[in-house]
C-alpha atoms as a PDB file:
ATOM      1  CA  UNK A   1      12.411  23.174   2.100  1.00  0.00           C
ATOM      2  CA  UNK A   2      12.713  19.900   0.152  1.00  0.00           C
ATOM      3  CA  UNK A   3      10.912  20.491  -3.066  1.00  0.00           C
ATOM      4  CA  UNK A   4      10.063  17.337  -5.441  1.00  0.00           C
ATOM      5  CA  UNK A   5      10.726  19.289  -8.748  1.00  0.00           C
ATOM      6  CA  UNK A   6      11.992  16.382 -11.126  1.00  0.00           C
ATOM      7  CA  UNK A   7       8.497  15.177 -12.372  1.00  0.00           C
ATOM      8  CA  UNK A   8       7.397  15.144 -16.059  1.00  0.00           C
ATOM      9  CA  UNK A   9       4.131  12.782 -15.178  1.00  0.00           C
ATOM     10  CA  UNK A  10       3.033  15.066 -12.639  1.00  0.00           C
ATOM     11  CA  UNK A  11       2.483  18.825 -12.149  1.00  0.00           C
ATOM     12  CA  UNK A  12       0.895  21.083  -9.320  1.00  0.00           C
ATOM     13  CA  UNK A  13      -0.820  23.372 -11.977  1.00  0.00           C
ATOM     14  CA  UNK A  14      -2.592  26.019  -9.666  1.00  0.00           C
ATOM     15  CA  UNK A  15      -3.583  26.298  -6.282  1.00  0.00           C
ATOM     16  CA  UNK A  16      -6.650  28.322  -4.870  1.00  0.00           C
ATOM     17  CA  UNK A  17      -9.429  28.548  -2.155  1.00  0.00           C
ATOM     18  CA  UNK A  18      -8.425  25.149  -0.801  1.00  0.00           C
ATOM     19  CA  UNK A  19      -8.237  23.127  -3.991  1.00  0.00           C
ATOM     20  CA  UNK A  20      -5.302  21.957  -6.270  1.00  0.00           C
ATOM     21  CA  UNK A  21      -5.462  21.408  -9.757  1.00  0.00           C
ATOM     22  CA  UNK A  22      -3.107  18.665 -10.737  1.00  0.00           C
ATOM     23  CA  UNK A  23      -1.938  16.939 -13.864  1.00  0.00           C
ATOM     24  CA  UNK A  24      -1.238  13.201 -13.502  1.00  0.00           C
ATOM     25  CA  UNK A  25      -0.122  11.911 -16.873  1.00  0.00           C
ATOM     26  CA  UNK A  26      -2.564  13.495 -19.135  1.00  0.00           C
ATOM     27  CA  UNK A  27      -5.642  13.617 -16.703  1.00  0.00           C
ATOM     28  CA  UNK A  28      -6.485  17.306 -15.106  1.00  0.00           C
ATOM     29  CA  UNK A  29      -7.613  16.513 -11.314  1.00  0.00           C
ATOM     30  CA  UNK A  30      -9.182  18.610  -9.059  1.00  0.00           C
ATOM     31  CA  UNK A  31      -8.839  17.640  -5.374  1.00  0.00           C
ATOM     32  CA  UNK A  32      -9.164  19.633  -1.977  1.00  0.00           C
ATOM     33  CA  UNK A  33      -5.955  20.653  -0.063  1.00  0.00           C
ATOM     34  CA  UNK A  34      -6.290  21.754   3.539  1.00  0.00           C
ATOM     35  CA  UNK A  35      -2.952  23.634   3.358  1.00  0.00           C
ATOM     36  CA  UNK A  36      -4.449  26.041   0.461  1.00  0.00           C
ATOM     37  CA  UNK A  37      -5.659  28.942   2.277  1.00  0.00           C
ATOM     38  CA  UNK A  38      -4.957  31.549  -0.417  1.00  0.00           C
ATOM     39  CA  UNK A  39      -6.856  32.503  -3.614  1.00  0.00           C
ATOM     40  CA  UNK A  40      -4.829  32.283  -6.728  1.00  0.00           C
ATOM     41  CA  UNK A  41      -4.341  35.657  -8.318  1.00  0.00           C
ATOM     42  CA  UNK A  42      -4.589  34.464 -12.077  1.00  0.00           C
ATOM     43  CA  UNK A  43      -6.767  31.464 -12.088  1.00  0.00           C
ATOM     44  CA  UNK A  44      -5.651  29.607 -14.993  1.00  0.00           C
ATOM     45  CA  UNK A  45      -8.693  28.664 -17.120  1.00  0.00           C
ATOM     46  CA  UNK A  46      -7.385  25.011 -16.938  1.00  0.00           C
ATOM     47  CA  UNK A  47      -9.518  24.635 -13.600  1.00  0.00           C
ATOM     48  CA  UNK A  48     -12.854  24.313 -16.197  1.00  0.00           C
ATOM     49  CA  UNK A  49     -11.222  21.684 -18.097  1.00  0.00           C
ATOM     50  CA  UNK A  50     -10.458  19.290 -15.264  1.00  0.00           C
ATOM     51  CA  UNK A  51     -11.269  15.307 -16.132  1.00  0.00           C
ATOM     52  CA  UNK A  52     -12.636  15.040 -12.580  1.00  0.00           C
ATOM     53  CA  UNK A  53     -13.365  17.039  -9.350  1.00  0.00           C
ATOM     54  CA  UNK A  54     -13.284  15.663  -5.796  1.00  0.00           C
ATOM     55  CA  UNK A  55     -15.944  17.375  -3.882  1.00  0.00           C
ATOM     56  CA  UNK A  56     -15.852  17.173  -0.011  1.00  0.00           C
ATOM     57  CA  UNK A  57     -19.109  16.776   1.934  1.00  0.00           C
ATOM     58  CA  UNK A  58     -19.906  18.864   5.080  1.00  0.00           C
ATOM     59  CA  UNK A  59     -20.643  15.599   6.778  1.00  0.00           C
ATOM     60  CA  UNK A  60     -17.226  14.130   6.010  1.00  0.00           C
ATOM     61  CA  UNK A  61     -15.841  12.293   3.181  1.00  0.00           C
ATOM     62  CA  UNK A  62     -16.949  13.289  -0.254  1.00  0.00           C
ATOM     63  CA  UNK A  63     -17.169  11.870  -3.791  1.00  0.00           C
ATOM     64  CA  UNK A  64     -15.811  12.366  -6.975  1.00  0.00           C
ATOM     65  CA  UNK A  65     -17.662  13.972 -10.107  1.00  0.00           C
ATOM     66  CA  UNK A  66     -16.316  12.840 -13.553  1.00  0.00           C
ATOM     67  CA  UNK A  67     -16.476  14.934 -16.679  1.00  0.00           C
ATOM     68  CA  UNK A  68     -14.718  12.799 -19.088  1.00  0.00           C
ATOM     69  CA  UNK A  69     -14.270   9.000 -19.014  1.00  0.00           C
ATOM     70  CA  UNK A  70     -11.153   8.277 -17.281  1.00  0.00           C
ATOM     71  CA  UNK A  71      -9.395   4.871 -17.623  1.00  0.00           C
ATOM     72  CA  UNK A  72      -9.750   2.795 -14.677  1.00  0.00           C
ATOM     73  CA  UNK A  73      -6.178   3.242 -13.664  1.00  0.00           C
ATOM     74  CA  UNK A  74      -3.311   4.660 -15.767  1.00  0.00           C
ATOM     75  CA  UNK A  75       0.438   4.742 -15.298  1.00  0.00           C
ATOM     76  CA  UNK A  76       2.814   7.499 -14.276  1.00  0.00           C
ATOM     77  CA  UNK A  77       6.570   7.594 -14.318  1.00  0.00           C
ATOM     78  CA  UNK A  78       9.052   9.248 -12.127  1.00  0.00           C
ATOM     79  CA  UNK A  79      12.836   8.374 -13.867  1.00  0.00           C
ATOM     80  CA  UNK A  80      13.300   4.608 -13.772  1.00  0.00           C
ATOM     81  CA  UNK A  81       9.979   4.095 -11.509  1.00  0.00           C
ATOM     82  CA  UNK A  82       6.762   3.460 -12.947  1.00  0.00           C
ATOM     83  CA  UNK A  83       3.321   3.428 -11.049  1.00  0.00           C
ATOM     84  CA  UNK A  84      -0.908   3.023 -11.457  1.00  0.00           C
ATOM     85  CA  UNK A  85      -2.866   5.593 -10.136  1.00  0.00           C
ATOM     86  CA  UNK A  86      -6.697   6.067 -10.047  1.00  0.00           C
ATOM     87  CA  UNK A  87      -9.326   8.321  -8.206  1.00  0.00           C
ATOM     88  CA  UNK A  88      -9.863   6.749  -4.575  1.00  0.00           C
ATOM     89  CA  UNK A  89     -12.277   7.684  -2.093  1.00  0.00           C
ATOM     90  CA  UNK A  90     -11.306  10.300   0.499  1.00  0.00           C
ATOM     91  CA  UNK A  91      -9.703  12.522  -2.785  1.00  0.00           C
ATOM     92  CA  UNK A  92      -6.159   9.772  -3.095  1.00  0.00           C
ATOM     93  CA  UNK A  93      -5.063   8.639  -6.342  1.00  0.00           C
ATOM     94  CA  UNK A  94      -2.728   6.105  -4.699  1.00  0.00           C
ATOM     95  CA  UNK A  95       0.379   8.054  -4.794  1.00  0.00           C
ATOM     96  CA  UNK A  96       1.853  11.222  -3.020  1.00  0.00           C
ATOM     97  CA  UNK A  97       4.032  12.689  -5.460  1.00  0.00           C
ATOM     98  CA  UNK A  98       5.716  15.096  -3.012  1.00  0.00           C
ATOM     99  CA  UNK A  99       7.637  11.888  -1.909  1.00  0.00           C
ATOM    100  CA  UNK A 100       9.848  11.751  -4.867  1.00  0.00           C
ATOM    101  CA  UNK A 101      12.564  14.211  -3.058  1.00  0.00           C
ATOM    102  CA  UNK A 102      12.549  11.520  -0.397  1.00  0.00           C
ATOM    103  CA  UNK A 103      12.991   8.640  -2.764  1.00  0.00           C
ATOM    104  CA  UNK A 104      15.744  10.640  -4.558  1.00  0.00           C
ATOM    105  CA  UNK A 105      17.562  10.942  -0.961  1.00  0.00           C
ATOM    106  CA  UNK A 106      17.178   7.153   0.165  1.00  0.00           C
ATOM    107  CA  UNK A 107      18.518   5.995  -3.391  1.00  0.00           C
ATOM    108  CA  UNK A 108      21.677   8.150  -3.033  1.00  0.00           C
ATOM    109  CA  UNK A 109      22.227   6.837   0.398  1.00  0.00           C
ATOM    110  CA  UNK A 110      21.791   3.311  -0.736  1.00  0.00           C
ATOM    111  CA  UNK A 111      23.352   2.991  -3.928  1.00  0.00           C
ATOM    112  CA  UNK A 112      26.686   0.981  -4.044  1.00  0.00           C
ATOM    113  CA  UNK A 113      25.970  -0.759  -0.772  1.00  0.00           C
ATOM    114  CA  UNK A 114      24.090  -3.897   0.483  1.00  0.00           C
ATOM    115  CA  UNK A 115      21.267  -2.938   2.862  1.00  0.00           C
ATOM    116  CA  UNK A 116      18.214  -4.383   4.454  1.00  0.00           C
ATOM    117  CA  UNK A 117      15.555  -2.005   4.632  1.00  0.00           C
ATOM    118  CA  UNK A 118      12.235  -2.112   6.547  1.00  0.00           C
ATOM    119  CA  UNK A 119       9.280   0.348   4.984  1.00  0.00           C
ATOM    120  CA  UNK A 120       6.450   0.480   7.716  1.00  0.00           C
ATOM    121  CA  UNK A 121       2.951   1.886   6.730  1.00  0.00           C
ATOM    122  CA  UNK A 122       4.309   1.245   3.151  1.00  0.00           C
ATOM    123  CA  UNK A 123       1.470   2.127   1.425  1.00  0.00           C
ATOM    124  CA  UNK A 124       1.379   1.453  -2.699  1.00  0.00           C
ATOM    125  CA  UNK A 125       5.347   1.026  -2.522  1.00  0.00           C
ATOM    126  CA  UNK A 126       6.866   4.610  -3.852  1.00  0.00           C
ATOM    127  CA  UNK A 127       9.680   4.068  -1.250  1.00  0.00           C
ATOM    128  CA  UNK A 128       9.749   0.083  -1.513  1.00  0.00           C
ATOM    129  CA  UNK A 129      10.352   0.375  -5.242  1.00  0.00           C
ATOM    130  CA  UNK A 130      13.113   3.285  -4.969  1.00  0.00           C
ATOM    131  CA  UNK A 131      15.234   1.262  -2.205  1.00  0.00           C
ATOM    132  CA  UNK A 132      14.636  -2.175  -4.447  1.00  0.00           C
ATOM    133  CA  UNK A 133      15.807  -0.207  -7.568  1.00  0.00           C
ATOM    134  CA  UNK A 134      19.301   0.141  -5.742  1.00  0.00           C
ATOM    135  CA  UNK A 135      19.478  -3.532  -5.086  1.00  0.00           C
ATOM    136  CA  UNK A 136      18.403  -2.943  -1.520  1.00  0.00           C
ATOM    137  CA  UNK A 137      16.606  -6.103   0.372  1.00  0.00           C
ATOM    138  CA  UNK A 138      13.146  -4.454   1.342  1.00  0.00           C
ATOM    139  CA  UNK A 139      10.684  -5.506   3.929  1.00  0.00           C
ATOM    140  CA  UNK A 140       7.396  -3.741   3.120  1.00  0.00           C
ATOM    141  CA  UNK A 141       4.771  -3.784   5.558  1.00  0.00           C
ATOM    142  CA  UNK A 142       1.059  -2.198   5.538  1.00  0.00           C
ATOM    143  CA  UNK A 143      -2.109  -2.963   7.293  1.00  0.00           C
ATOM    144  CA  UNK A 144      -4.276  -2.518   4.182  1.00  0.00           C
ATOM    145  CA  UNK A 145      -4.278  -5.960   1.860  1.00  0.00           C
ATOM    146  CA  UNK A 146      -5.222  -3.928  -1.227  1.00  0.00           C
ATOM    147  CA  UNK A 147      -2.469  -1.332  -0.843  1.00  0.00           C
ATOM    148  CA  UNK A 148       0.179  -4.184  -0.527  1.00  0.00           C
ATOM    149  CA  UNK A 149      -1.341  -5.649  -3.485  1.00  0.00           C
ATOM    150  CA  UNK A 150      -1.411  -2.585  -5.428  1.00  0.00           C
ATOM    151  CA  UNK A 151       2.604  -2.182  -4.164  1.00  0.00           C
ATOM    152  CA  UNK A 152       3.312  -5.595  -5.918  1.00  0.00           C
ATOM    153  CA  UNK A 153       1.879  -4.152  -9.140  1.00  0.00           C
ATOM    154  CA  UNK A 154       3.993  -1.054  -8.903  1.00  0.00           C
ATOM    155  CA  UNK A 155       7.045  -3.173  -8.056  1.00  0.00           C
ATOM    156  CA  UNK A 156       6.543  -5.536 -11.470  1.00  0.00           C
ATOM    157  CA  UNK A 157       5.479  -2.062 -13.424  1.00  0.00           C
ATOM    158  CA  UNK A 158       8.699  -0.865 -12.321  1.00  0.00           C
ATOM    159  CA  UNK A 159      10.529  -4.125 -13.574  1.00  0.00           C
ATOM    160  CA  UNK A 160      11.419  -4.905  -9.725  1.00  0.00           C
ATOM    161  CA  UNK A 161       9.420  -7.950  -9.644  1.00  0.00           C
ATOM    162  CA  UNK A 162      12.411 -10.047  -9.263  1.00  0.00           C
ATOM    163  CA  UNK A 163      14.042  -8.014  -6.732  1.00  0.00           C
ATOM    164  CA  UNK A 164      14.167  -8.718  -2.924  1.00  0.00           C
ATOM    165  CA  UNK A 165      10.871  -7.168  -1.896  1.00  0.00           C
ATOM    166  CA  UNK A 166       9.110  -9.022   0.853  1.00  0.00           C
ATOM    167  CA  UNK A 167       5.552  -8.012   1.174  1.00  0.00           C
ATOM    168  CA  UNK A 168       3.721  -7.783   4.714  1.00  0.00           C
ATOM    169  CA  UNK A 169      -0.022  -7.524   5.612  1.00  0.00           C
ATOM    170  CA  UNK A 170       0.052  -6.505   9.286  1.00  0.00           C
ATOM    171  CA  UNK A 171      -0.227  -3.897  12.066  1.00  0.00           C
ATOM    172  CA  UNK A 172       3.051  -2.198  11.735  1.00  0.00           C
ATOM    173  CA  UNK A 173       3.711  -1.946  15.583  1.00  0.00           C
ATOM    174  CA  UNK A 174       2.853  -5.764  16.178  1.00  0.00           C
ATOM    175  CA  UNK A 175       5.358  -6.932  13.344  1.00  0.00           C
ATOM    176  CA  UNK A 176       8.271  -4.591  14.883  1.00  0.00           C
ATOM    177  CA  UNK A 177       7.471  -6.217  18.119  1.00  0.00           C
ATOM    178  CA  UNK A 178       7.997  -9.752  16.758  1.00  0.00           C
ATOM    179  CA  UNK A 179      10.902  -8.722  14.572  1.00  0.00           C
ATOM    180  CA  UNK A 180      12.550  -7.442  18.127  1.00  0.00           C
ATOM    181  CA  UNK A 181      11.512 -10.789  19.451  1.00  0.00           C
ATOM    182  CA  UNK A 182      13.351 -12.540  16.519  1.00  0.00           C
ATOM    183  CA  UNK A 183      16.345 -10.540  16.699  1.00  0.00           C
ATOM    184  CA  UNK A 184      15.905  -9.409  13.143  1.00  0.00           C
ATOM    185  CA  UNK A 185      17.793  -5.828  12.242  1.00  0.00           C
ATOM    186  CA  UNK A 186      17.510  -3.548   9.510  1.00  0.00           C
ATOM    187  CA  UNK A 187      19.997  -1.075   8.247  1.00  0.00           C
ATOM    188  CA  UNK A 188      17.642   1.616   7.038  1.00  0.00           C
ATOM    189  CA  UNK A 189      13.884   2.111   8.488  1.00  0.00           C
ATOM    190  CA  UNK A 190      11.445   4.145   6.696  1.00  0.00           C
ATOM    191  CA  UNK A 191       7.833   5.022   7.932  1.00  0.00           C
ATOM    192  CA  UNK A 192       5.206   7.427   6.659  1.00  0.00           C
ATOM    193  CA  UNK A 193       2.504   6.787   9.349  1.00  0.00           C
ATOM    194  CA  UNK A 194      -1.032   8.109   9.227  1.00  0.00           C
ATOM    195  CA  UNK A 195      -2.072  11.446  11.320  1.00  0.00           C
ATOM    196  CA  UNK A 196      -4.937   8.876  12.549  1.00  0.00           C
ATOM    197  CA  UNK A 197      -4.964   5.392  13.262  1.00  0.00           C
ATOM    198  CA  UNK A 198      -6.258   2.436  15.164  1.00  0.00           C
ATOM    199  CA  UNK A 199      -4.392  -0.272  17.246  1.00  0.00           C
ATOM    200  CA  UNK A 200      -4.623  -3.560  17.242  1.00  0.00           C
ATOM    201  CA  UNK A 201      -7.380  -3.189  19.555  1.00  0.00           C
ATOM    202  CA  UNK A 202      -9.437  -0.789  17.988  1.00  0.00           C
ATOM    203  CA  UNK A 203      -8.125   1.829  20.105  1.00  0.00           C
ATOM    204  CA  UNK A 204      -7.715   5.252  18.287  1.00  0.00           C
ATOM    205  CA  UNK A 205      -4.236   7.246  18.578  1.00  0.00           C
ATOM    206  CA  UNK A 206      -3.135  10.553  16.840  1.00  0.00           C
ATOM    207  CA  UNK A 207       0.287  10.392  15.648  1.00  0.00           C
ATOM    208  CA  UNK A 208       1.563  13.415  17.695  1.00  0.00           C
ATOM    209  CA  UNK A 209       1.193  11.476  20.846  1.00  0.00           C
ATOM    210  CA  UNK A 210       2.746   8.364  19.527  1.00  0.00           C
ATOM    211  CA  UNK A 211       5.431   9.406  16.983  1.00  0.00           C
ATOM    212  CA  UNK A 212       8.071   9.397  19.985  1.00  0.00           C
ATOM    213  CA  UNK A 213       7.196   5.937  21.205  1.00  0.00           C
ATOM    214  CA  UNK A 214       7.143   4.874  17.498  1.00  0.00           C
ATOM    215  CA  UNK A 215       9.998   5.761  16.628  1.00  0.00           C
ATOM    216  CA  UNK A 216      12.058   4.854  20.079  1.00  0.00           C
ATOM    217  CA  UNK A 217      10.439   1.185  19.554  1.00  0.00           C
ATOM    218  CA  UNK A 218      11.798   1.118  15.837  1.00  0.00           C
ATOM    219  CA  UNK A 219      15.293   2.304  16.630  1.00  0.00           C
ATOM    220  CA  UNK A 220      15.723  -1.140  18.577  1.00  0.00           C
ATOM    221  CA  UNK A 221      15.817  -2.862  15.067  1.00  0.00           C
ATOM    222  CA  UNK A 222      18.532  -0.759  13.608  1.00  0.00           C
ATOM    223  CA  UNK A 223      21.557  -2.775  13.087  1.00  0.00           C
ATOM    224  CA  UNK A 224      25.238  -1.842  13.819  1.00  0.00           C
ATOM    225  CA  UNK A 225      25.829  -0.931  10.046  1.00  0.00           C
ATOM    226  CA  UNK A 226      22.731   1.522  10.044  1.00  0.00           C
ATOM    227  CA  UNK A 227      22.532   3.750   7.218  1.00  0.00           C
ATOM    228  CA  UNK A 228      19.698   5.760   7.947  1.00  0.00           C
ATOM    229  CA  UNK A 229      16.422   6.422   9.229  1.00  0.00           C
ATOM    230  CA  UNK A 230      13.640   8.402   7.670  1.00  0.00           C
ATOM    231  CA  UNK A 231      10.231   9.818   8.938  1.00  0.00           C
ATOM    232  CA  UNK A 232       7.509  11.493   7.030  1.00  0.00           C
ATOM    233  CA  UNK A 233       4.485  13.253   8.453  1.00  0.00           C
ATOM    234  CA  UNK A 234       1.427  14.938   7.392  1.00  0.00           C
ATOM    235  CA  UNK A 235       0.245  15.930  10.412  1.00  0.00           C
ATOM    236  CA  UNK A 236       0.148  19.790  10.510  1.00  0.00           C
ATOM    237  CA  UNK A 237       0.804  19.892  14.203  1.00  0.00           C
ATOM    238  CA  UNK A 238       4.045  18.034  13.669  1.00  0.00           C
ATOM    239  CA  UNK A 239       6.489  20.755  12.675  1.00  0.00           C
ATOM    240  CA  UNK A 240       9.900  19.592  10.900  1.00  0.00           C
ATOM    241  CA  UNK A 241      11.748  20.559  14.127  1.00  0.00           C
ATOM    242  CA  UNK A 242       9.837  18.501  16.341  1.00  0.00           C
ATOM    243  CA  UNK A 243      10.350  15.664  13.656  1.00  0.00           C
ATOM    244  CA  UNK A 244      14.140  15.849  13.855  1.00  0.00           C
ATOM    245  CA  UNK A 245      14.148  16.721  17.806  1.00  0.00           C
ATOM    246  CA  UNK A 246      12.392  13.087  18.124  1.00  0.00           C
ATOM    247  CA  UNK A 247      15.388  11.415  15.816  1.00  0.00           C
ATOM    248  CA  UNK A 248      18.000  13.296  17.604  1.00  0.00           C
ATOM    249  CA  UNK A 249      16.442  11.998  21.038  1.00  0.00           C
ATOM    250  CA  UNK A 250      15.725   8.379  19.994  1.00  0.00           C
ATOM    251  CA  UNK A 251      18.670   7.012  17.632  1.00  0.00           C
ATOM    252  CA  UNK A 252      22.303   6.739  18.056  1.00  0.00           C
ATOM    253  CA  UNK A 253      24.836   9.310  17.121  1.00  0.00           C
ATOM    254  CA  UNK A 254      24.417  10.540  13.758  1.00  0.00           C
ATOM    255  CA  UNK A 255      23.386  13.759  11.796  1.00  0.00           C
ATOM    256  CA  UNK A 256      19.715  14.625  11.416  1.00  0.00           C
ATOM    257  CA  UNK A 257      18.076  16.615   8.821  1.00  0.00           C
ATOM    258  CA  UNK A 258      14.223  17.787   9.030  1.00  0.00           C
ATOM    259  CA  UNK A 259      12.447  20.366   6.490  1.00  0.00           C
ATOM    260  CA  UNK A 260       8.989  20.857   4.771  1.00  0.00           C
ATOM    261  CA  UNK A 261       8.374  18.944   1.617  1.00  0.00           C
ATOM    262  CA  UNK A 262       6.715  20.567  -1.020  1.00  0.00           C
ATOM    263  CA  UNK A 263       5.550  20.775  -4.473  1.00  0.00           C
ATOM    264  CA  UNK A 264       6.050  23.596  -7.237  1.00  0.00           C
ATOM    265  CA  UNK A 265       3.157  25.390  -8.419  1.00  0.00           C
ATOM    266  CA  UNK A 266       3.550  26.091 -12.030  1.00  0.00           C
ATOM    267  CA  UNK A 267       0.796  28.834 -12.527  1.00  0.00           C
ATOM    268  CA  UNK A 268       1.884  31.379  -9.535  1.00  0.00           C
ATOM    269  CA  UNK A 269       5.361  30.491  -8.661  1.00  0.00           C
ATOM    270  CA  UNK A 270       4.750  29.367  -5.060  1.00  0.00           C
ATOM    271  CA  UNK A 271       5.393  26.160  -3.222  1.00  0.00           C
ATOM    272  CA  UNK A 272       2.534  24.210  -1.954  1.00  0.00           C
ATOM    273  CA  UNK A 273       3.621  22.516   1.544  1.00  0.00           C
ATOM    274  CA  UNK A 274       3.090  18.940   1.692  1.00  0.00           C
ATOM    275  CA  UNK A 275       4.285  17.933   5.334  1.00  0.00           C
ATOM    276  CA  UNK A 276       7.561  17.313   7.070  1.00  0.00           C
ATOM    277  CA  UNK A 277      10.166  14.931   6.727  1.00  0.00           C
ATOM    278  CA  UNK A 278      13.334  14.023   8.699  1.00  0.00           C
ATOM    279  CA  UNK A 279      16.313  11.692   8.195  1.00  0.00           C
ATOM    280  CA  UNK A 280      18.762  10.355  10.457  1.00  0.00           C
ATOM    281  CA  UNK A 281      22.198   9.225   8.913  1.00  0.00           C
ATOM    282  CA  UNK A 282      24.582   7.128  10.761  1.00  0.00           C
ATOM    283  CA  UNK A 283      28.151   8.527  11.759  1.00  0.00           C
ATOM    284  CA  UNK A 284      29.388   5.382  10.978  1.00  0.00           C
ATOM    285  CA  UNK A 285      30.602   4.974   7.324  1.00  0.00           C
END
């Protein structure tokens, strides 16, 4: 498992009965997690000291219950990167801390090299900031205008506002098709697609049904000096082996690694599984 264990401003404190207790900076948040099938042996009393608790509704969705007055948003740091976080609808905070292990890997591959990076389904820009911090030119694409605006703020917060990051609000597949027609190529491609989504005409799609075609199409944008192609999935039916197999089938000769990503749980010493990631690396150096 690839473990995101270098955080100081984030901590997964405990997990039990479908929930996780986390520290985001100084704030304690209690949120549901579909991977927590167990009961904690010695539940820490910090559960009762949470600043906010997200309650899932039986009819879908849910809402936050606040016990203390939190700032509208606050800052968490990961190394030289800084991000705004805040409680959002459907339990989210605007950042997925388990992705830090992928940011580290991308940075190591880009360090000291000129590269043009395409970040698809780019959300609030964690991976975009990580790549830009290594002087890569980044094209950041997400369909949600608000998330793209948030990503710009995160880049500025990380002292990356003057770096070469181009922000695009668009459907990712439509953007990729246009880039193909324009003949544009990228040295690295990152994608973190949602488990469920809607196409440009409102059609519903599931990632496990579409991932192969998605990677196959995006692979056509890789340059002759390609460095890596990274994929992350939170879809429980997609195992790391499945993600790795698709990368091997869709991409040129190179090496492929795929594994679970996870977060250490302080109270129990266990690991919280957080999805599957895979990365292809070119055999050309």
